[in-house]
């Protein structure tokens, strides 16, 4: 496999690798480092890539593992999840403020989720991966992925409802 073949193989998913790394590591610089590390490892193993049914799943698994290793290191205490890919350019000023506030709450709630649920929620609802792909990346069966996603969404929904109904007395 030459350089142009390698680029053709990785181009469709390299941004997804970066977004997953950014979701897990927060820092753009850390995410860029993680992405570069994964791409270098893929390049070094370019001869074996054709034997994999999904190079993208391999890259996402490598990214997940690399990021989790980084989180386990001493830098983990300084990191938090930030997601700023969301914006609604059509909304009015009031709606934009409400959206920012809601998204801020979603980020805070996602920080409290277990790592596995956080990653599955990111891959399914933000990256739009299929359950089968997530199962391969996370080394789980599809049912377990669906259960974890359901639990993550339920926690998110309950916490958001609690936040938005704060101070409202229901009889």
Protein backbone atom coordinates (compact mmCIF):
# COMPACT_ATOMS: atom_id res chain seq x y z
CA UNK A 1 0.00 0.00 0.00
CA UNK A 2 1.48 3.33 -1.04
CA UNK A 3 0.84 6.76 0.44
CA UNK A 4 -2.01 7.71 -1.92
CA UNK A 5 -3.80 4.39 -1.28
CA UNK A 6 -3.42 4.91 2.46
CA UNK A 7 -4.85 8.43 2.21
CA UNK A 8 -7.83 7.12 0.21
CA UNK A 9 -8.52 4.55 2.92
CA UNK A 10 -8.30 6.91 5.93
CA UNK A 11 -9.78 10.12 4.50
CA UNK A 12 -13.43 9.10 4.91
CA UNK A 13 -13.10 8.60 8.70
CA UNK A 14 -10.14 10.64 9.96
CA UNK A 15 -12.44 13.48 11.10
CA UNK A 16 -14.51 10.98 13.09
CA UNK A 17 -11.33 9.77 14.77
CA UNK A 18 -10.54 13.36 15.74
CA UNK A 19 -14.08 14.05 17.02
CA UNK A 20 -14.06 10.92 19.19
CA UNK A 21 -10.65 11.88 20.56
CA UNK A 22 -11.87 15.42 21.23
CA UNK A 23 -14.98 14.12 22.98
CA UNK A 24 -12.88 11.96 25.25
CA UNK A 25 -9.83 14.16 25.77
CA UNK A 26 -11.49 17.63 25.54
CA UNK A 27 -8.35 19.50 24.51
CA UNK A 28 -8.00 20.13 20.78
CA UNK A 29 -4.25 19.67 21.06
CA UNK A 30 -4.65 16.35 22.89
CA UNK A 31 -7.19 15.21 20.28
CA UNK A 32 -4.84 16.18 17.46
CA UNK A 33 -2.04 14.24 19.16
CA UNK A 34 -4.28 11.21 19.59
CA UNK A 35 -5.42 11.37 15.97
CA UNK A 36 -1.84 11.65 14.76
CA UNK A 37 -0.77 8.76 16.99
CA UNK A 38 -3.54 6.52 15.60
CA UNK A 39 -2.78 7.47 12.00
CA UNK A 40 0.93 6.79 12.50
CA UNK A 41 0.11 3.37 13.97
CA UNK A 42 -2.16 2.66 10.99
CA UNK A 43 0.59 3.77 8.59
CA UNK A 44 3.14 1.55 10.31
CA UNK A 45 0.74 -1.40 9.90
CA UNK A 46 -0.42 -0.46 6.39
CA UNK A 47 0.49 -3.89 5.06
CA UNK A 48 -2.00 -5.57 7.39
CA UNK A 49 -4.92 -3.14 6.85
CA UNK A 50 -6.38 -5.10 3.95
CA UNK A 51 -6.96 -8.06 6.24
CA UNK A 52 -9.45 -6.06 8.35
CA UNK A 53 -13.08 -5.97 7.31
CA UNK A 54 -13.39 -2.38 8.56
CA UNK A 55 -10.33 -0.17 8.86
CA UNK A 56 -12.61 2.52 10.28
CA UNK A 57 -13.70 0.27 13.15
CA UNK A 58 -10.05 -0.57 13.78
CA UNK A 59 -9.13 3.13 13.84
CA UNK A 60 -12.00 4.00 16.17
CA UNK A 61 -11.05 1.16 18.52
CA UNK A 62 -7.44 2.31 18.50
CA UNK A 63 -8.57 5.89 19.20
CA UNK A 64 -10.81 4.78 22.05
CA UNK A 65 -8.03 2.74 23.61
CA UNK A 66 -5.42 5.47 23.19
CA UNK A 67 -7.72 8.10 24.70
CA UNK A 68 -8.68 5.89 27.63
CA UNK A 69 -4.99 5.29 28.30
CA UNK A 70 -4.45 9.05 28.29
CA UNK A 71 -7.38 9.56 30.64
CA UNK A 72 -5.90 7.03 33.05
CA UNK A 73 -2.68 9.01 33.17
CA UNK A 74 -2.16 11.92 35.55
CA UNK A 75 -3.62 14.36 33.03
CA UNK A 76 -7.09 12.86 33.51
CA UNK A 77 -7.91 15.04 36.50
CA UNK A 78 -7.60 18.20 34.42
CA UNK A 79 -9.91 17.11 31.63
CA UNK A 80 -13.61 17.63 31.10
CA UNK A 81 -15.99 17.08 28.24
CA UNK A 82 -16.77 20.02 26.00
CA UNK A 83 -18.72 19.84 22.83
CA UNK A 84 -19.03 22.99 20.76
CA UNK A 85 -20.06 21.59 17.41
CA UNK A 86 -23.66 22.54 18.12
CA UNK A 87 -25.17 25.78 16.90
CA UNK A 88 -28.52 26.78 15.47
CA UNK A 89 -27.84 29.72 13.16
CA UNK A 90 -31.52 30.21 12.30
CA UNK A 91 -32.78 30.77 15.83
CA UNK A 92 -33.45 34.12 17.42
CA UNK A 93 -31.37 35.54 20.24
CA UNK A 94 -33.65 34.17 22.98
CA UNK A 95 -33.67 30.70 21.40
CA UNK A 96 -29.90 30.77 20.98
CA UNK A 97 -29.46 31.58 24.68
CA UNK A 98 -31.83 28.77 25.66
CA UNK A 99 -30.08 26.34 23.30
CA UNK A 100 -26.66 27.24 24.72
CA UNK A 101 -27.99 26.77 28.24
CA UNK A 102 -29.58 23.41 27.37
CA UNK A 103 -26.45 22.21 25.61
CA UNK A 104 -24.38 23.31 28.59
CA UNK A 105 -26.61 21.17 30.83
CA UNK A 106 -26.30 18.22 28.44
CA UNK A 107 -22.50 18.50 28.62
CA UNK A 108 -22.58 18.67 32.42
CA UNK A 109 -24.86 15.64 32.62
CA UNK A 110 -22.73 13.71 30.11
CA UNK A 111 -19.71 14.32 32.36
CA UNK A 112 -21.45 12.33 35.08
CA UNK A 113 -22.20 9.33 32.85
CA UNK A 114 -20.02 6.24 33.04
CA UNK A 115 -17.25 6.31 30.40
CA UNK A 116 -18.83 3.50 28.35
CA UNK A 117 -22.24 5.22 28.17
CA UNK A 118 -20.60 8.54 27.34
CA UNK A 119 -18.71 7.00 24.41
CA UNK A 120 -21.72 5.09 23.08
CA UNK A 121 -23.89 8.22 23.27
CA UNK A 122 -21.19 10.17 21.40
CA UNK A 123 -20.82 7.55 18.67
CA UNK A 124 -24.53 6.92 18.14
CA UNK A 125 -26.19 10.30 18.63
CA UNK A 126 -23.42 12.65 17.53
CA UNK A 127 -21.29 10.62 15.11
CA UNK A 128 -24.31 8.65 13.76
CA UNK A 129 -22.62 5.23 13.90
CA UNK A 130 -24.72 2.10 13.46
CA UNK A 131 -25.14 -0.25 16.43
CA UNK A 132 -23.08 -2.92 14.68
CA UNK A 133 -20.14 -0.52 14.24
CA UNK A 134 -20.33 0.65 17.85
CA UNK A 135 -20.42 -2.97 19.04
CA UNK A 136 -17.22 -3.73 17.10
CA UNK A 137 -15.46 -0.61 18.37
CA UNK A 138 -16.50 -1.12 21.98
CA UNK A 139 -16.01 -4.90 21.84
CA UNK A 140 -19.58 -5.51 23.03
CA UNK A 141 -22.61 -7.21 21.56
CA UNK A 142 -25.29 -5.06 19.93
CA UNK A 143 -27.83 -5.70 22.69
CA UNK A 144 -25.42 -4.44 25.33
CA UNK A 145 -24.78 -1.32 23.23
CA UNK A 146 -28.52 -0.68 22.92
CA UNK A 147 -29.00 -1.14 26.67
CA UNK A 148 -26.12 1.19 27.53
CA UNK A 149 -27.41 3.81 25.06
CA UNK A 150 -30.92 3.52 26.48
CA UNK A 151 -29.62 4.00 30.02
CA UNK A 152 -27.49 6.97 28.99
CA UNK A 153 -30.42 8.63 27.21
CA UNK A 154 -32.73 7.93 30.16
CA UNK A 155 -30.27 9.50 32.61
CA UNK A 156 -29.83 12.49 30.30
CA UNK A 157 -33.59 12.90 29.86
CA UNK A 158 -34.34 12.60 33.60
CA UNK A 159 -31.59 15.01 34.60
CA UNK A 160 -32.64 17.54 31.96
CA UNK A 161 -36.28 17.29 33.05
CA UNK A 162 -35.22 17.83 36.65
CA UNK A 163 -33.10 20.84 35.63
CA UNK A 164 -35.81 22.45 33.49
CA UNK A 165 -38.54 21.91 36.08
CA UNK A 166 -36.47 23.32 38.95
CA UNK A 167 -38.62 25.62 41.08
CA UNK A 168 -41.89 24.52 39.47
CA UNK A 169 -44.20 22.93 41.97
CA UNK A 170 -46.32 20.11 40.57
CA UNK A 171 -49.51 19.05 42.33
